[in-house]
Amino acid sequence: MITHSIPQQVCCCVLQSMCEAKQAITGLPSSFQIPKMPGQDTAACAHSCCFSQGEKLSHALRISAYVFSTGLLMFTALANSVSWFMQSVTLGNFWQTAWLEFYDYVEGDEWTIFLIGAALVPALAFWGFNGILLVADITGKPTFITRYRIQLGKNDPVDKKKLWKAIYTALGNQLFVSFPMLVPMFYIMQWWDNTFSKELPTFQWFLVELSIFTVIEEILFYYTHRLAHHPVLYKHIHKKHHEWTAPIGVVSIYAHPIEHIVSNTLPVMTGPMVMGSHIVSVSAWFSLALVTTSISHCGYHLPLLPSPEFHDFHHLKFNQCYGVLGVLDFLHGTDRMFRQTKAFERHKVLLGLTPLSESIPEPPKKEE
């Protein structure tokens, strides 16, 4: 019948392709034909094959759905348990009390609260973390840090002239770019009428917000960063950041002011402005974002911290690994070269004390 002719033809083509592959592998003669069952023509055989493949696909989908739903239920149960603990034991008592005491201390002045939460606390997190790294970069000690260097032999020790230039630029970007951008953000957050509430958000809601912030940052950073690699923009703007082929932590905000606005600051600020988040959530997110990008640039693959191999490879090769999470790089194929390297094998959280540069070393260079 007409309604079955197309599927049968398709299946026959599939069967014929399978036969051709079989011949190529086993050396069977070209006259070899697909065996028929007694009383069954090729179309019927093809229909049976299609049905069998359909069953396999259906079975695979059922297994996938089972695994996904089980994983989702387990994750939800774990998240609810952690949320209950944080809300009832920690956030519901200590942090709520501390927040109210701080709120009363500043007499509820929203600009003071915003300035401390969105500017001072993140800045202290950034320079506190990078201060430790700078000691290692300059002195080569402690070896507990320096032995985890990714690009061996680089920044050992760091060029002090380049370092001071990076520090001055980073401070300038914070004071004269990031800080002025907080002014319009303050009025946007005031409009939401939730940012300075006396009641803190639940820990569970903070996790939801954190997920949304991360997705927004990934999308905005990937495309603005990739745009910055356009030859014209790269030459006049982004090239400054890539002066460091072996980056260090403070280089994370060593950039042209335009790049710092478009690629560094807006992707991080947009999420809280869209969500109308509480100032405590904003402060935690800004601090986390600054520390995370410092880790991505630090040049050390330290135990228990997120892997910096992905972005370090970007500084090494320039045209790979544009994003933060790597999701859009995978979808756009801008991590193909990275996936073929030892750096990709090392791109994981180090759970031991042996540096991954030792357990997964680079292959020896070929002699010319």
Protein backbone atom coordinates (compact mmCIF):
# COMPACT_ATOMS: atom_id res chain seq x y z
CA MET A 1 0.00 0.00 0.00
CA ILE A 2 1.10 3.58 -0.54
CA THR A 3 1.08 4.36 3.15
CA HIS A 4 3.78 1.69 3.76
CA SER A 5 5.89 2.02 0.61
CA ILE A 6 8.17 4.80 1.87
CA PRO A 7 9.10 3.17 5.20
CA GLN A 8 9.81 -0.13 3.46
CA GLN A 9 12.06 1.53 0.90
CA VAL A 10 13.91 3.36 3.62
CA CYS A 11 14.43 0.18 5.60
CA CYS A 12 15.58 -1.68 2.49
CA CYS A 13 18.15 1.04 1.90
CA VAL A 14 19.32 0.64 5.49
CA LEU A 15 19.58 -3.13 5.10
CA GLN A 16 21.46 -2.78 1.84
CA SER A 17 23.89 -0.37 3.48
CA MET A 18 24.41 -2.88 6.27
CA CYS A 19 25.17 -5.57 3.68
CA GLU A 20 27.65 -3.34 1.90
CA ALA A 21 29.37 -2.65 5.20
CA LYS A 22 29.42 -6.39 5.93
CA GLN A 23 30.99 -7.08 2.54
CA ALA A 24 33.64 -4.43 3.09
CA ILE A 25 34.61 -5.90 6.44
CA THR A 26 34.40 -9.65 5.76
CA GLY A 27 35.26 -9.72 2.05
CA LEU A 28 31.99 -11.38 1.06
CA PRO A 29 31.29 -11.43 -2.68
CA SER A 30 29.18 -8.69 -4.13
CA SER A 31 26.59 -11.28 -5.11
CA PHE A 32 25.82 -11.89 -1.46
CA GLN A 33 22.17 -11.05 -0.78
CA ILE A 34 20.21 -10.41 2.34
CA PRO A 35 18.78 -13.76 3.39
CA LYS A 36 15.00 -14.00 3.31
CA MET A 37 12.89 -15.89 5.75
CA PRO A 38 10.58 -18.51 4.19
CA GLY A 39 7.44 -16.83 2.95
CA GLN A 40 8.82 -13.36 3.61
CA ASP A 41 9.79 -10.88 0.95
CA THR A 42 12.43 -8.16 1.25
CA ALA A 43 9.89 -5.50 2.11
CA ALA A 44 8.49 -7.60 4.92
CA CYS A 45 11.99 -8.28 6.17
CA ALA A 46 12.73 -4.57 6.04
CA HIS A 47 9.52 -3.82 7.90
CA SER A 48 10.51 -6.35 10.57
CA CYS A 49 13.95 -4.76 10.82
CA CYS A 50 12.44 -1.31 11.18
CA PHE A 51 10.13 -2.59 13.87
CA SER A 52 13.11 -4.12 15.68
CA GLN A 53 15.06 -0.87 15.45
CA GLY A 54 11.99 1.01 16.65
CA GLU A 55 11.75 -1.28 19.67
CA LYS A 56 15.42 -0.67 20.46
CA LEU A 57 14.93 3.08 20.20
CA SER A 58 11.86 2.92 22.41
CA HIS A 59 13.74 0.80 24.94
CA ALA A 60 16.66 3.24 24.97
CA LEU A 61 14.31 6.18 25.47
CA ARG A 62 12.59 4.42 28.37
CA ILE A 63 15.95 3.74 30.04
CA SER A 64 17.04 7.35 29.49
CA ALA A 65 13.78 8.64 30.94
CA TYR A 66 14.15 6.33 33.94
CA VAL A 67 17.75 7.39 34.62
CA PHE A 68 16.93 11.08 34.15
CA SER A 69 13.84 10.99 36.36
CA THR A 70 15.67 9.02 39.07
CA GLY A 71 18.58 11.46 38.99
CA LEU A 72 16.19 14.41 39.10
CA LEU A 73 14.34 12.98 42.10
CA MET A 74 17.60 12.30 43.94
CA PHE A 75 18.91 15.79 43.16
CA THR A 76 15.62 17.35 44.30
CA ALA A 77 15.64 15.35 47.52
CA LEU A 78 19.25 16.32 48.21
CA ALA A 79 18.62 19.98 47.38
CA ASN A 80 15.56 20.07 49.62
CA SER A 81 17.49 18.43 52.47
CA VAL A 82 20.39 20.88 52.17
CA SER A 83 17.95 23.78 51.81
CA TRP A 84 16.03 22.69 54.89
CA PHE A 85 19.26 22.40 56.87
CA MET A 86 20.59 25.76 55.72
CA GLN A 87 17.25 27.47 56.24
CA SER A 88 16.39 25.94 59.60
CA VAL A 89 19.81 25.57 61.20
CA THR A 90 22.04 28.18 59.59
CA LEU A 91 20.34 30.74 57.36
CA GLY A 92 17.18 30.83 59.41
CA ASN A 93 19.01 31.75 62.58
CA PHE A 94 22.54 33.05 62.43
CA TRP A 95 22.47 34.81 59.05
CA GLN A 96 19.01 36.31 59.50
CA THR A 97 19.98 37.67 62.91
CA ALA A 98 23.30 39.00 61.60
CA TRP A 99 21.54 40.66 58.66
CA LEU A 100 19.03 42.42 60.90
CA GLU A 101 21.80 43.64 63.19
CA PHE A 102 23.73 45.02 60.21
CA TYR A 103 20.55 46.57 58.80
CA ASP A 104 19.88 48.37 62.06
CA TYR A 105 23.53 49.41 62.39
CA VAL A 106 23.43 51.31 59.06
CA GLU A 107 19.91 52.50 59.91
CA GLY A 108 18.52 50.88 56.79
CA ASP A 109 20.36 53.28 54.46
CA GLU A 110 19.97 51.55 51.11
CA TRP A 111 22.88 53.22 49.34
CA THR A 112 25.28 52.28 52.17
CA ILE A 113 23.98 48.71 52.15
CA PHE A 114 24.32 48.50 48.36
CA LEU A 115 27.80 50.01 48.34
CA ILE A 116 29.07 47.57 50.95
CA GLY A 117 27.30 44.54 49.45
CA ALA A 118 27.89 45.14 45.74
CA ALA A 119 31.28 46.87 45.83
CA LEU A 120 33.24 46.45 49.07
CA VAL A 121 32.59 42.77 49.85
CA PRO A 122 33.30 41.53 46.28
CA ALA A 123 36.44 43.69 46.10
CA LEU A 124 37.72 42.22 49.36
CA ALA A 125 36.99 38.70 48.08
CA PHE A 126 38.87 39.43 44.84
CA TRP A 127 41.97 41.01 46.37
CA GLY A 128 42.03 38.65 49.34
CA PHE A 129 42.12 35.60 47.07
CA ASN A 130 44.52 37.18 44.58
CA GLY A 131 46.75 38.45 47.37
CA ILE A 132 47.57 34.83 48.26
CA LEU A 133 48.20 33.99 44.61
CA LEU A 134 50.41 37.06 44.13
CA VAL A 135 52.71 35.92 46.93
CA ALA A 136 53.22 32.65 45.06
CA ASP A 137 53.61 34.43 41.70
CA ILE A 138 56.28 36.82 43.01
CA THR A 139 58.25 34.64 45.43
CA GLY A 140 57.67 31.17 44.00
CA LYS A 141 56.52 30.08 47.46
CA PRO A 142 54.81 28.26 49.03
CA THR A 143 55.57 25.23 46.88
CA PHE A 144 52.17 23.84 47.87
CA ILE A 145 50.75 26.33 45.36
CA THR A 146 53.52 26.67 42.79
CA ARG A 147 53.87 22.90 42.22
CA TYR A 148 50.40 22.99 40.65
CA ARG A 149 51.44 25.41 37.90
CA ILE A 150 49.73 24.61 34.58
CA GLN A 151 52.19 26.10 32.09
CA LEU A 152 55.46 24.83 33.49
CA GLY A 153 58.32 27.31 33.39
CA LYS A 154 56.02 30.32 32.84
CA ASN A 155 55.71 33.15 35.41
CA ASP A 156 58.39 31.51 37.52
CA PRO A 157 58.81 34.17 38.78
CA VAL A 158 56.36 36.58 37.21
CA ASP A 159 57.62 39.63 35.29
CA LYS A 160 57.20 42.39 37.92
CA LYS A 161 56.86 45.17 35.34
CA LYS A 162 53.98 43.36 33.64
CA LEU A 163 52.53 42.50 37.04
CA TRP A 164 52.36 46.08 38.27
CA LYS A 165 50.79 47.15 34.99
CA ALA A 166 48.13 44.46 35.45
CA ILE A 167 47.47 45.50 39.06
CA TYR A 168 47.11 49.19 38.18
CA THR A 169 44.76 48.35 35.29
CA ALA A 170 42.66 46.04 37.47
CA LEU A 171 42.33 48.70 40.17
CA GLY A 172 41.47 51.32 37.55
CA ASN A 173 38.76 49.11 36.07
CA GLN A 174 37.24 48.52 39.50
CA LEU A 175 37.30 52.16 40.59
CA PHE A 176 36.53 53.97 37.33
CA VAL A 177 34.44 51.42 35.40
CA SER A 178 32.76 48.89 37.71
CA PHE A 179 31.93 51.34 40.49
CA PRO A 180 30.19 53.93 38.22
CA MET A 181 28.18 51.07 36.67
CA LEU A 182 26.78 50.27 40.10
CA VAL A 183 24.98 53.64 40.22
CA PRO A 184 22.33 52.86 37.55
CA MET A 185 22.15 49.30 38.90
CA PHE A 186 21.27 50.70 42.34
CA TYR A 187 18.21 52.52 40.97
CA ILE A 188 17.12 49.46 39.00
CA MET A 189 17.33 47.34 42.15
CA GLN A 190 15.42 49.97 44.12
CA TRP A 191 12.63 49.78 41.55
CA TRP A 192 12.21 46.07 42.28
CA ASP A 193 11.49 46.96 45.93
CA ASN A 194 12.92 43.66 47.18
CA THR A 195 16.68 44.15 47.20
CA PHE A 196 16.84 45.73 50.65
CA SER A 197 14.18 43.65 52.37
CA LYS A 198 14.67 42.82 56.05
CA GLU A 199 13.84 39.20 55.29
CA LEU A 200 16.60 37.19 53.62
CA PRO A 201 15.75 34.89 50.69
CA THR A 202 15.61 31.17 51.40
CA PHE A 203 18.70 29.17 50.58
CA GLN A 204 16.68 27.18 48.07
CA TRP A 205 15.66 30.33 46.21
CA PHE A 206 19.26 31.53 46.27
CA LEU A 207 20.30 28.31 44.51
CA VAL A 208 17.65 28.92 41.85
CA GLU A 209 18.90 32.46 41.35
CA LEU A 210 22.49 31.27 41.21
CA SER A 211 21.59 28.86 38.42
CA ILE A 212 19.87 31.60 36.44
CA PHE A 213 22.77 34.02 36.98
CA THR A 214 25.19 31.38 35.71
CA VAL A 215 23.20 30.69 32.54
CA ILE A 216 22.85 34.40 31.76
CA GLU A 217 26.56 34.98 32.32
CA GLU A 218 27.49 32.03 30.10
CA ILE A 219 25.37 33.31 27.21
CA LEU A 220 26.40 36.96 27.44
CA PHE A 221 30.07 36.31 28.10
CA TYR A 222 30.48 33.71 25.34
CA TYR A 223 29.07 35.86 22.56
CA THR A 224 30.61 39.17 23.66
CA HIS A 225 33.95 37.45 24.18
CA ARG A 226 33.81 35.75 20.82
CA LEU A 227 32.84 39.06 19.21
CA ALA A 228 35.90 40.63 20.84
CA HIS A 229 38.03 38.21 18.83
CA HIS A 230 36.89 39.81 15.57
CA PRO A 231 40.13 41.10 13.99
CA VAL A 232 39.12 44.76 14.26
CA LEU A 233 37.94 44.55 17.87
CA TYR A 234 40.77 42.27 18.87
CA LYS A 235 43.44 44.63 17.56
CA HIS A 236 42.08 47.71 19.33
CA ILE A 237 40.40 46.24 22.45
CA HIS A 238 40.82 42.58 23.35
CA LYS A 239 44.52 42.25 22.50
CA LYS A 240 45.35 43.96 25.81
CA HIS A 241 43.91 41.05 27.80
CA HIS A 242 45.81 38.53 25.67
CA GLU A 243 49.18 40.08 26.41
CA TRP A 244 49.27 37.32 29.01
CA THR A 245 49.51 33.95 27.23
CA ALA A 246 50.14 32.41 30.65
CA PRO A 247 47.71 34.38 32.84
CA ILE A 248 47.66 34.94 36.61
CA GLY A 249 44.66 35.64 38.84
CA VAL A 250 44.68 39.44 38.75
CA VAL A 251 44.71 39.34 34.92
CA SER A 252 41.04 38.28 35.06
CA ILE A 253 40.06 41.97 35.03
CA TYR A 254 43.13 43.24 33.19
CA ALA A 255 41.31 44.52 30.12
CA HIS A 256 40.45 47.52 27.98
CA PRO A 257 37.70 49.60 29.68
CA ILE A 258 35.22 48.82 26.87
CA GLU A 259 35.85 45.11 27.25
CA HIS A 260 35.55 45.39 31.00
CA ILE A 261 32.10 46.95 30.59
CA VAL A 262 30.73 44.65 27.90
CA SER A 263 32.33 41.28 28.65
CA ASN A 264 33.40 41.37 32.29
CA THR A 265 30.78 43.43 34.12
CA LEU A 266 27.46 43.36 32.26
CA PRO A 267 27.21 39.54 32.03
CA VAL A 268 27.58 39.36 35.83
CA MET A 269 25.29 42.32 36.64
CA THR A 270 22.45 41.35 34.30
CA GLY A 271 21.18 38.32 36.24
CA PRO A 272 20.51 40.14 39.53
CA MET A 273 18.92 43.08 37.68
CA VAL A 274 16.59 40.74 35.78
CA MET A 275 15.66 38.81 38.93
CA GLY A 276 15.44 41.78 41.31
CA SER A 277 17.59 39.86 43.77
CA HIS A 278 18.24 40.62 47.42
CA ILE A 279 21.47 42.52 48.11
CA VAL A 280 22.86 39.52 50.01
CA SER A 281 22.37 37.35 46.92
CA VAL A 282 23.96 40.07 44.77
CA SER A 283 26.96 40.32 47.09
CA ALA A 284 27.46 36.55 47.19
CA TRP A 285 27.12 36.27 43.40
CA PHE A 286 29.53 39.12 42.64
CA SER A 287 32.09 37.69 45.07
CA LEU A 288 31.70 34.19 43.64
CA ALA A 289 32.02 35.47 40.07
CA LEU A 290 35.21 37.41 40.84
CA VAL A 291 36.84 34.51 42.70
CA THR A 292 35.82 32.05 39.98
CA THR A 293 37.25 34.14 37.15
CA SER A 294 40.43 34.57 39.23
CA ILE A 295 40.68 30.78 39.50
CA SER A 296 40.19 30.48 35.73
CA HIS A 297 43.12 32.84 35.16
CA CYS A 298 45.35 31.92 38.10
CA GLY A 299 47.60 29.47 36.25
CA TYR A 300 47.48 26.89 39.05
CA HIS A 301 45.35 23.72 39.00
CA LEU A 302 44.87 23.52 42.75
CA PRO A 303 43.21 20.65 44.66
CA LEU A 304 39.45 20.86 45.26
CA LEU A 305 39.07 24.05 43.20
CA PRO A 306 37.40 24.32 39.77
CA SER A 307 39.73 23.44 36.90
CA PRO A 308 41.35 26.45 35.17
CA GLU A 309 42.60 24.31 32.25
CA PHE A 310 39.76 25.43 29.95
CA HIS A 311 40.41 29.17 30.03
CA ASP A 312 44.16 28.75 30.38
CA PHE A 313 44.05 26.93 27.04
CA HIS A 314 42.17 29.90 25.58
CA HIS A 315 45.03 32.21 26.53
CA LEU A 316 47.50 29.75 25.05
CA LYS A 317 45.72 29.25 21.69
CA PHE A 318 43.42 32.35 21.44
CA ASN A 319 40.73 30.80 19.20
CA GLN A 320 39.42 28.07 21.50
CA CYS A 321 37.32 27.92 24.68
CA TYR A 322 35.52 31.27 24.72
CA GLY A 323 32.91 30.58 27.40
CA VAL A 324 32.77 30.04 31.14
CA LEU A 325 31.08 26.65 31.50
CA GLY A 326 32.05 25.30 28.08
CA VAL A 327 28.47 24.47 27.08
CA LEU A 328 28.28 26.96 24.21
CA ASP A 329 31.81 26.08 23.14
CA PHE A 330 30.66 22.47 22.78
CA LEU A 331 27.56 23.48 20.82
CA HIS A 332 29.51 25.79 18.50
CA GLY A 333 32.51 23.49 18.16
CA THR A 334 34.94 26.04 19.56
CA ASP A 335 36.53 23.48 21.87
CA ARG A 336 37.41 20.76 19.33
CA MET A 337 41.15 21.38 19.50
CA PHE A 338 40.99 21.51 23.30
CA ARG A 339 39.25 18.12 23.45
CA GLN A 340 42.15 16.52 21.60
CA THR A 341 44.76 17.65 24.12
CA LYS A 342 46.13 16.47 27.44
CA ALA A 343 44.76 19.68 28.93
CA PHE A 344 41.25 18.33 28.31
CA GLU A 345 42.14 15.14 30.20
CA ARG A 346 43.33 17.32 33.08
CA HIS A 347 40.17 19.46 32.99
CA LYS A 348 38.60 18.11 36.16
CA VAL A 349 38.56 18.82 39.88
CA LEU A 350 41.78 17.56 41.44
CA LEU A 351 40.83 15.39 44.42
CA GLY A 352 44.35 14.27 45.36
CA LEU A 353 47.63 16.02 46.06
CA THR A 354 49.60 14.87 43.00
CA PRO A 355 49.63 17.65 40.38
CA LEU A 356 47.78 16.67 37.22
CA SER A 357 50.74 17.95 35.21
CA GLU A 358 52.60 14.96 36.68
CA SER A 359 49.88 12.31 36.48
CA ILE A 360 48.76 13.45 33.01
CA PRO A 361 51.91 15.02 31.52
CA GLU A 362 52.20 16.59 28.10
CA PRO A 363 53.62 14.23 25.45
CA PRO A 364 57.32 14.77 24.71
CA LYS A 365 57.97 17.24 21.93
CA LYS A 366 59.10 15.74 18.65
CA GLU A 367 62.66 16.49 17.68
CA GLU A 368 62.92 18.58 14.52
